[in-house]
Amino acid sequence: MYTPHKRQAPGLLSSAIGALPIVPSDTADLSAEIRALTIGTAAGTVAFVSSRDGASYVTGPLPVGTYALFAARILATGTTATGLTGWI
């Protein structure tokens, strides 16, 4: 299949180029930094380490859905949402 955009670098507003299931961890970084997060099973909070400034953040309660979020790690402590998918 011909893919005319294969060699172009994705911008911040581009579609995701991949996905990965997320298992929250207080010690291990994700296998790739994510640009968005889907909460697929149960609503809740998400604690994460920003891939932009390295600071830790915790969201308020979020419903099931997809959220723009640059993260290097999703923390187990403080994350109550489940069914998480990261978009790269």
PDB file of N, CA and C in Angstrom:
ATOM      1  N   MET A   1       0.844  -1.171   0.000  1.00  0.00           N
ATOM      2  CA  MET A   1       0.000   0.000   0.000  1.00  0.00           C
ATOM      3  C   MET A   1       0.895   1.241   0.000  1.00  0.00           C
ATOM      4  N   TYR A   2       0.563   2.195  -0.799  1.00  0.00           N
ATOM      5  CA  TYR A   2       1.292   3.455  -0.879  1.00  0.00           C
ATOM      6  C   TYR A   2       0.907   4.334   0.306  1.00  0.00           C
ATOM      7  N   THR A   3       1.878   4.831   1.035  1.00  0.00           N
ATOM      8  CA  THR A   3       1.628   5.709   2.180  1.00  0.00           C
ATOM      9  C   THR A   3       2.387   7.010   1.975  1.00  0.00           C
ATOM     10  N   PRO A   4       1.741   8.026   1.438  1.00  0.00           N
ATOM     11  CA  PRO A   4       2.438   9.265   1.088  1.00  0.00           C
ATOM     12  C   PRO A   4       2.980  10.041   2.282  1.00  0.00           C
ATOM     13  N   HIS A   5       2.486   9.789   3.475  1.00  0.00           N
ATOM     14  CA  HIS A   5       2.905  10.569   4.644  1.00  0.00           C
ATOM     15  C   HIS A   5       3.852   9.796   5.560  1.00  0.00           C
ATOM     16  N   LYS A   6       4.319   8.653   5.106  1.00  0.00           N
ATOM     17  CA  LYS A   6       5.150   7.776   5.932  1.00  0.00           C
ATOM     18  C   LYS A   6       6.417   8.460   6.444  1.00  0.00           C
ATOM     19  N   ARG A   7       7.013   9.317   5.663  1.00  0.00           N
ATOM     20  CA  ARG A   7       8.283   9.935   6.036  1.00  0.00           C
ATOM     21  C   ARG A   7       8.127  11.284   6.727  1.00  0.00           C
ATOM     22  N   GLN A   8       6.909  11.730   6.943  1.00  0.00           N
ATOM     23  CA  GLN A   8       6.687  13.002   7.612  1.00  0.00           C
ATOM     24  C   GLN A   8       6.641  12.795   9.121  1.00  0.00           C
ATOM     25  N   ALA A   9       7.259  13.693   9.850  1.00  0.00           N
ATOM     26  CA  ALA A   9       7.211  13.632  11.309  1.00  0.00           C
ATOM     27  C   ALA A   9       5.824  14.056  11.781  1.00  0.00           C
ATOM     28  N   PRO A  10       5.249  13.335  12.733  1.00  0.00           N
ATOM     29  CA  PRO A  10       3.934  13.720  13.240  1.00  0.00           C
ATOM     30  C   PRO A  10       4.013  14.998  14.065  1.00  0.00           C
ATOM     31  N   GLY A  11       3.053  15.863  13.897  1.00  0.00           N
ATOM     32  CA  GLY A  11       2.967  17.082  14.686  1.00  0.00           C
ATOM     33  C   GLY A  11       2.099  16.865  15.909  1.00  0.00           C
ATOM     34  N   LEU A  12       1.991  17.881  16.727  1.00  0.00           N
ATOM     35  CA  LEU A  12       1.194  17.762  17.949  1.00  0.00           C
ATOM     36  C   LEU A  12      -0.284  17.537  17.672  1.00  0.00           C
ATOM     37  N   LEU A  13      -0.751  17.979  16.528  1.00  0.00           N
ATOM     38  CA  LEU A  13      -2.167  17.819  16.194  1.00  0.00           C
ATOM     39  C   LEU A  13      -2.421  16.628  15.283  1.00  0.00           C
ATOM     40  N   SER A  14      -1.390  15.846  14.994  1.00  0.00           N
ATOM     41  CA  SER A  14      -1.522  14.680  14.124  1.00  0.00           C
ATOM     42  C   SER A  14      -2.224  13.539  14.848  1.00  0.00           C
ATOM     43  N   SER A  15      -2.704  12.604  14.063  1.00  0.00           N
ATOM     44  CA  SER A  15      -3.284  11.382  14.622  1.00  0.00           C
ATOM     45  C   SER A  15      -2.202  10.577  15.323  1.00  0.00           C
ATOM     46  N   ALA A  16      -2.618   9.704  16.211  1.00  0.00           N
ATOM     47  CA  ALA A  16      -1.672   8.821  16.889  1.00  0.00           C
ATOM     48  C   ALA A  16      -1.050   7.869  15.871  1.00  0.00           C
ATOM     49  N   ILE A  17       0.183   7.428  16.149  1.00  0.00           N
ATOM     50  CA  ILE A  17       0.853   6.492  15.251  1.00  0.00           C
ATOM     51  C   ILE A  17       0.954   5.103  15.863  1.00  0.00           C
ATOM     52  N   GLY A  18       0.430   4.938  17.061  1.00  0.00           N
ATOM     53  CA  GLY A  18       0.449   3.640  17.720  1.00  0.00           C
ATOM     54  C   GLY A  18      -0.235   3.721  19.070  1.00  0.00           C
ATOM     55  N   ALA A  19      -0.395   2.557  19.688  1.00  0.00           N
ATOM     56  CA  ALA A  19      -1.051   2.481  20.993  1.00  0.00           C
ATOM     57  C   ALA A  19      -0.367   1.415  21.832  1.00  0.00           C
ATOM     58  N   LEU A  20      -0.514   1.544  23.142  1.00  0.00           N
ATOM     59  CA  LEU A  20       0.008   0.525  24.037  1.00  0.00           C
ATOM     60  C   LEU A  20      -0.876   0.416  25.264  1.00  0.00           C
ATOM     61  N   PRO A  21      -1.069  -0.832  25.741  1.00  0.00           N
ATOM     62  CA  PRO A  21      -1.830  -0.998  26.978  1.00  0.00           C
ATOM     63  C   PRO A  21      -0.995  -0.476  28.138  1.00  0.00           C
ATOM     64  N   ILE A  22      -1.645   0.103  29.121  1.00  0.00           N
ATOM     65  CA  ILE A  22      -0.917   0.691  30.241  1.00  0.00           C
ATOM     66  C   ILE A  22      -1.238  -0.043  31.536  1.00  0.00           C
ATOM     67  N   VAL A  23      -0.173  -0.461  32.204  1.00  0.00           N
ATOM     68  CA  VAL A  23      -0.259  -0.994  33.554  1.00  0.00           C
ATOM     69  C   VAL A  23       0.433   0.035  34.441  1.00  0.00           C
ATOM     70  N   PRO A  24      -0.318   0.745  35.276  1.00  0.00           N
ATOM     71  CA  PRO A  24       0.300   1.774  36.118  1.00  0.00           C
ATOM     72  C   PRO A  24       1.416   1.209  36.996  1.00  0.00           C
ATOM     73  N   SER A  25       2.481   1.991  37.147  1.00  0.00           N
ATOM     74  CA  SER A  25       3.628   1.594  37.963  1.00  0.00           C
ATOM     75  C   SER A  25       4.258   2.834  38.582  1.00  0.00           C
ATOM     76  N   ASP A  26       4.643   2.721  39.832  1.00  0.00           N
ATOM     77  CA  ASP A  26       5.316   3.833  40.496  1.00  0.00           C
ATOM     78  C   ASP A  26       6.811   3.877  40.182  1.00  0.00           C
ATOM     79  N   THR A  27       7.345   2.822  39.551  1.00  0.00           N
ATOM     80  CA  THR A  27       8.788   2.749  39.319  1.00  0.00           C
ATOM     81  C   THR A  27       9.205   2.635  37.859  1.00  0.00           C
ATOM     82  N   ALA A  28       8.346   2.126  36.989  1.00  0.00           N
ATOM     83  CA  ALA A  28       8.738   1.870  35.594  1.00  0.00           C
ATOM     84  C   ALA A  28       8.096   2.865  34.633  1.00  0.00           C
ATOM     85  N   ASP A  29       8.935   3.441  33.768  1.00  0.00           N
ATOM     86  CA  ASP A  29       8.416   4.307  32.709  1.00  0.00           C
ATOM     87  C   ASP A  29       7.688   3.471  31.664  1.00  0.00           C
ATOM     88  N   LEU A  30       6.835   4.122  30.889  1.00  0.00           N
ATOM     89  CA  LEU A  30       6.164   3.470  29.773  1.00  0.00           C
ATOM     90  C   LEU A  30       7.195   3.112  28.711  1.00  0.00           C
ATOM     91  N   SER A  31       6.871   2.162  27.840  1.00  0.00           N
ATOM     92  CA  SER A  31       7.814   1.776  26.783  1.00  0.00           C
ATOM     93  C   SER A  31       7.981   2.877  25.749  1.00  0.00           C
ATOM     94  N   ALA A  32       7.030   3.801  25.693  1.00  0.00           N
ATOM     95  CA  ALA A  32       7.105   4.987  24.824  1.00  0.00           C
ATOM     96  C   ALA A  32       6.312   6.098  25.496  1.00  0.00           C
ATOM     97  N   GLU A  33       6.749   7.328  25.301  1.00  0.00           N
ATOM     98  CA  GLU A  33       5.988   8.459  25.839  1.00  0.00           C
ATOM     99  C   GLU A  33       4.659   8.536  25.105  1.00  0.00           C
ATOM    100  N   ILE A  34       3.606   8.861  25.832  1.00  0.00           N
ATOM    101  CA  ILE A  34       2.282   8.937  25.207  1.00  0.00           C
ATOM    102  C   ILE A  34       1.855  10.389  25.040  1.00  0.00           C
ATOM    103  N   ARG A  35       0.943  10.591  24.095  1.00  0.00           N
ATOM    104  CA  ARG A  35       0.413  11.927  23.819  1.00  0.00           C
ATOM    105  C   ARG A  35      -1.071  12.021  24.165  1.00  0.00           C
ATOM    106  N   ALA A  36      -1.674  10.875  24.432  1.00  0.00           N
ATOM    107  CA  ALA A  36      -3.083  10.834  24.831  1.00  0.00           C
ATOM    108  C   ALA A  36      -3.322   9.554  25.611  1.00  0.00           C
ATOM    109  N   LEU A  37      -4.383   9.551  26.396  1.00  0.00           N
ATOM    110  CA  LEU A  37      -4.727   8.421  27.252  1.00  0.00           C
ATOM    111  C   LEU A  37      -6.214   8.156  27.136  1.00  0.00           C
ATOM    112  N   THR A  38      -6.563   6.886  26.929  1.00  0.00           N
ATOM    113  CA  THR A  38      -7.971   6.490  26.945  1.00  0.00           C
ATOM    114  C   THR A  38      -8.252   5.733  28.228  1.00  0.00           C
ATOM    115  N   ILE A  39      -9.311   6.151  28.920  1.00  0.00           N
ATOM    116  CA  ILE A  39      -9.844   5.409  30.065  1.00  0.00           C
ATOM    117  C   ILE A  39     -10.990   4.597  29.488  1.00  0.00           C
ATOM    118  N   GLY A  40     -10.844   3.267  29.490  1.00  0.00           N
ATOM    119  CA  GLY A  40     -11.807   2.435  28.776  1.00  0.00           C
ATOM    120  C   GLY A  40     -12.790   1.674  29.629  1.00  0.00           C
ATOM    121  N   THR A  41     -12.478   1.416  30.894  1.00  0.00           N
ATOM    122  CA  THR A  41     -13.324   0.532  31.695  1.00  0.00           C
ATOM    123  C   THR A  41     -14.069   1.268  32.799  1.00  0.00           C
ATOM    124  N   ALA A  42     -13.317   1.890  33.693  1.00  0.00           N
ATOM    125  CA  ALA A  42     -13.944   2.558  34.830  1.00  0.00           C
ATOM    126  C   ALA A  42     -13.379   3.962  35.000  1.00  0.00           C
ATOM    127  N   ALA A  43     -14.260   4.894  35.248  1.00  0.00           N
ATOM    128  CA  ALA A  43     -13.867   6.285  35.484  1.00  0.00           C
ATOM    129  C   ALA A  43     -13.019   6.369  36.744  1.00  0.00           C
ATOM    130  N   GLY A  44     -12.233   7.428  36.843  1.00  0.00           N
ATOM    131  CA  GLY A  44     -11.425   7.623  38.039  1.00  0.00           C
ATOM    132  C   GLY A  44     -10.358   8.664  37.805  1.00  0.00           C
ATOM    133  N   THR A  45      -9.393   8.681  38.687  1.00  0.00           N
ATOM    134  CA  THR A  45      -8.292   9.640  38.592  1.00  0.00           C
ATOM    135  C   THR A  45      -7.100   8.993  37.889  1.00  0.00           C
ATOM    136  N   VAL A  46      -6.209   9.839  37.367  1.00  0.00           N
ATOM    137  CA  VAL A  46      -4.977   9.366  36.734  1.00  0.00           C
ATOM    138  C   VAL A  46      -3.817  10.175  37.306  1.00  0.00           C
ATOM    139  N   ALA A  47      -2.841   9.468  37.859  1.00  0.00           N
ATOM    140  CA  ALA A  47      -1.616  10.099  38.345  1.00  0.00           C
ATOM    141  C   ALA A  47      -0.532   9.796  37.314  1.00  0.00           C
ATOM    142  N   PHE A  48       0.242  10.813  36.938  1.00  0.00           N
ATOM    143  CA  PHE A  48       1.229  10.601  35.883  1.00  0.00           C
ATOM    144  C   PHE A  48       2.436  11.496  36.070  1.00  0.00           C
ATOM    145  N   VAL A  49       3.521  11.097  35.419  1.00  0.00           N
ATOM    146  CA  VAL A  49       4.734  11.910  35.353  1.00  0.00           C
ATOM    147  C   VAL A  49       4.783  12.495  33.949  1.00  0.00           C
ATOM    148  N   SER A  50       4.817  13.805  33.858  1.00  0.00           N
ATOM    149  CA  SER A  50       4.830  14.493  32.572  1.00  0.00           C
ATOM    150  C   SER A  50       6.125  14.215  31.820  1.00  0.00           C
ATOM    151  N   SER A  51       5.998  13.945  30.527  1.00  0.00           N
ATOM    152  CA  SER A  51       7.193  13.771  29.698  1.00  0.00           C
ATOM    153  C   SER A  51       7.752  15.112  29.268  1.00  0.00           C
ATOM    154  N   ARG A  52       7.072  16.195  29.590  1.00  0.00           N
ATOM    155  CA  ARG A  52       7.537  17.536  29.225  1.00  0.00           C
ATOM    156  C   ARG A  52       8.377  18.184  30.313  1.00  0.00           C
ATOM    157  N   ASP A  53       7.921  18.114  31.573  1.00  0.00           N
ATOM    158  CA  ASP A  53       8.671  18.785  32.643  1.00  0.00           C
ATOM    159  C   ASP A  53       9.119  17.850  33.763  1.00  0.00           C
ATOM    160  N   GLY A  54       8.755  16.561  33.691  1.00  0.00           N
ATOM    161  CA  GLY A  54       9.185  15.591  34.693  1.00  0.00           C
ATOM    162  C   GLY A  54       8.442  15.672  36.012  1.00  0.00           C
ATOM    163  N   ALA A  55       7.473  16.583  36.114  1.00  0.00           N
ATOM    164  CA  ALA A  55       6.702  16.739  37.349  1.00  0.00           C
ATOM    165  C   ALA A  55       5.582  15.693  37.409  1.00  0.00           C
ATOM    166  N   SER A  56       5.142  15.398  38.619  1.00  0.00           N
ATOM    167  CA  SER A  56       4.031  14.470  38.832  1.00  0.00           C
ATOM    168  C   SER A  56       2.735  15.248  38.987  1.00  0.00           C
ATOM    169  N   TYR A  57       1.663  14.716  38.416  1.00  0.00           N
ATOM    170  CA  TYR A  57       0.354  15.350  38.467  1.00  0.00           C
ATOM    171  C   TYR A  57      -0.708  14.295  38.743  1.00  0.00           C
ATOM    172  N   VAL A  58      -1.834  14.722  39.297  1.00  0.00           N
ATOM    173  CA  VAL A  58      -2.992  13.851  39.483  1.00  0.00           C
ATOM    174  C   VAL A  58      -4.209  14.610  38.972  1.00  0.00           C
ATOM    175  N   THR A  59      -4.973  13.957  38.107  1.00  0.00           N
ATOM    176  CA  THR A  59      -6.185  14.583  37.590  1.00  0.00           C
ATOM    177  C   THR A  59      -7.293  14.506  38.632  1.00  0.00           C
ATOM    178  N   GLY A  60      -8.337  15.258  38.412  1.00  0.00           N
ATOM    179  CA  GLY A  60      -9.567  15.055  39.158  1.00  0.00           C
ATOM    180  C   GLY A  60     -10.267  13.840  38.577  1.00  0.00           C
ATOM    181  N   PRO A  61     -11.432  13.486  39.084  1.00  0.00           N
ATOM    182  CA  PRO A  61     -12.166  12.346  38.539  1.00  0.00           C
ATOM    183  C   PRO A  61     -12.503  12.583  37.059  1.00  0.00           C
ATOM    184  N   LEU A  62     -12.162  11.602  36.221  1.00  0.00           N
ATOM    185  CA  LEU A  62     -12.421  11.687  34.785  1.00  0.00           C
ATOM    186  C   LEU A  62     -13.364  10.567  34.363  1.00  0.00           C
ATOM    187  N   PRO A  63     -14.335  10.856  33.497  1.00  0.00           N
ATOM    188  CA  PRO A  63     -15.190   9.796  32.978  1.00  0.00           C
ATOM    189  C   PRO A  63     -14.455   8.999  31.899  1.00  0.00           C
ATOM    190  N   VAL A  64     -15.003   7.852  31.532  1.00  0.00           N
ATOM    191  CA  VAL A  64     -14.462   7.065  30.432  1.00  0.00           C
ATOM    192  C   VAL A  64     -14.363   7.958  29.207  1.00  0.00           C
ATOM    193  N   GLY A  65     -13.218   7.922  28.520  1.00  0.00           N
ATOM    194  CA  GLY A  65     -13.000   8.770  27.358  1.00  0.00           C
ATOM    195  C   GLY A  65     -11.521   8.887  27.055  1.00  0.00           C
ATOM    196  N   THR A  66     -11.180   9.740  26.099  1.00  0.00           N
ATOM    197  CA  THR A  66      -9.795   9.949  25.689  1.00  0.00           C
ATOM    198  C   THR A  66      -9.377  11.374  26.002  1.00  0.00           C
ATOM    199  N   TYR A  67      -8.154  11.511  26.534  1.00  0.00           N
ATOM    200  CA  TYR A  67      -7.667  12.802  27.004  1.00  0.00           C
ATOM    201  C   TYR A  67      -6.260  13.074  26.477  1.00  0.00           C
ATOM    202  N   ALA A  68      -6.022  14.302  26.032  1.00  0.00           N
ATOM    203  CA  ALA A  68      -4.672  14.718  25.636  1.00  0.00           C
ATOM    204  C   ALA A  68      -3.826  14.771  26.899  1.00  0.00           C
ATOM    205  N   LEU A  69      -2.676  14.097  26.860  1.00  0.00           N
ATOM    206  CA  LEU A  69      -1.871  13.960  28.067  1.00  0.00           C
ATOM    207  C   LEU A  69      -0.482  13.468  27.671  1.00  0.00           C
ATOM    208  N   PHE A  70       0.547  14.288  27.852  1.00  0.00           N
ATOM    209  CA  PHE A  70       1.917  13.868  27.581  1.00  0.00           C
ATOM    210  C   PHE A  70       2.466  13.227  28.850  1.00  0.00           C
ATOM    211  N   ALA A  71       2.788  11.937  28.783  1.00  0.00           N
ATOM    212  CA  ALA A  71       3.258  11.249  29.987  1.00  0.00           C
ATOM    213  C   ALA A  71       4.360  10.252  29.667  1.00  0.00           C
ATOM    214  N   ALA A  72       5.312  10.154  30.596  1.00  0.00           N
ATOM    215  CA  ALA A  72       6.377   9.165  30.524  1.00  0.00           C
ATOM    216  C   ALA A  72       6.063   7.970  31.428  1.00  0.00           C
ATOM    217  N   ARG A  73       5.189   8.193  32.421  1.00  0.00           N
ATOM    218  CA  ARG A  73       4.826   7.141  33.373  1.00  0.00           C
ATOM    219  C   ARG A  73       3.420   7.400  33.887  1.00  0.00           C
ATOM    220  N   ILE A  74       2.644   6.342  34.024  1.00  0.00           N
ATOM    221  CA  ILE A  74       1.355   6.413  34.709  1.00  0.00           C
ATOM    222  C   ILE A  74       1.569   5.748  36.060  1.00  0.00           C
ATOM    223  N   LEU A  75       1.354   6.505  37.113  1.00  0.00           N
ATOM    224  CA  LEU A  75       1.640   6.033  38.468  1.00  0.00           C
ATOM    225  C   LEU A  75       0.520   5.150  39.013  1.00  0.00           C
ATOM    226  N   ALA A  76       0.900   4.102  39.728  1.00  0.00           N
ATOM    227  CA  ALA A  76      -0.088   3.237  40.373  1.00  0.00           C
ATOM    228  C   ALA A  76      -0.736   3.965  41.549  1.00  0.00           C
ATOM    229  N   THR A  77       0.091   4.671  42.328  1.00  0.00           N
ATOM    230  CA  THR A  77      -0.415   5.429  43.461  1.00  0.00           C
ATOM    231  C   THR A  77      -1.134   6.667  42.954  1.00  0.00           C
ATOM    232  N   GLY A  78      -2.416   6.736  43.196  1.00  0.00           N
ATOM    233  CA  GLY A  78      -3.205   7.889  42.759  1.00  0.00           C
ATOM    234  C   GLY A  78      -4.033   7.633  41.512  1.00  0.00           C
ATOM    235  N   THR A  79      -3.793   6.505  40.819  1.00  0.00           N
ATOM    236  CA  THR A  79      -4.590   6.179  39.632  1.00  0.00           C
ATOM    237  C   THR A  79      -5.677   5.187  40.020  1.00  0.00           C
ATOM    238  N   THR A  80      -6.928   5.601  39.815  1.00  0.00           N
ATOM    239  CA  THR A  80      -8.062   4.714  40.096  1.00  0.00           C
ATOM    240  C   THR A  80      -8.804   4.323  38.829  1.00  0.00           C
ATOM    241  N   ALA A  81      -8.575   5.025  37.738  1.00  0.00           N
ATOM    242  CA  ALA A  81      -9.193   4.692  36.457  1.00  0.00           C
ATOM    243  C   ALA A  81      -8.606   3.372  35.947  1.00  0.00           C
ATOM    244  N   THR A  82      -9.395   2.604  35.189  1.00  0.00           N
ATOM    245  CA  THR A  82      -8.916   1.320  34.668  1.00  0.00           C
ATOM    246  C   THR A  82      -9.204   1.198  33.174  1.00  0.00           C
ATOM    247  N   GLY A  83      -8.606   0.151  32.595  1.00  0.00           N
ATOM    248  CA  GLY A  83      -8.756  -0.057  31.155  1.00  0.00           C
ATOM    249  C   GLY A  83      -8.013   0.999  30.370  1.00  0.00           C
ATOM    250  N   LEU A  84      -6.757   1.273  30.735  1.00  0.00           N
ATOM    251  CA  LEU A  84      -6.009   2.380  30.179  1.00  0.00           C
ATOM    252  C   LEU A  84      -5.249   1.997  28.902  1.00  0.00           C
ATOM    253  N   THR A  85      -5.320   2.853  27.911  1.00  0.00           N
ATOM    254  CA  THR A  85      -4.567   2.711  26.664  1.00  0.00           C
ATOM    255  C   THR A  85      -3.839   4.015  26.418  1.00  0.00           C
ATOM    256  N   GLY A  86      -2.549   3.931  26.100  1.00  0.00           N
ATOM    257  CA  GLY A  86      -1.765   5.113  25.768  1.00  0.00           C
ATOM    258  C   GLY A  86      -1.624   5.236  24.268  1.00  0.00           C
ATOM    259  N   TRP A  87      -1.693   6.443  23.767  1.00  0.00           N
ATOM    260  CA  TRP A  87      -1.561   6.713  22.326  1.00  0.00           C
ATOM    261  C   TRP A  87      -0.268   7.463  22.090  1.00  0.00           C
ATOM    262  N   ILE A  88       0.526   6.966  21.133  1.00  0.00           N
ATOM    263  CA  ILE A  88       1.818   7.584  20.829  1.00  0.00           C
ATOM    264  C   ILE A  88       1.802   8.244  19.459  1.00  0.00           C
TER     265      ILE A  88
END
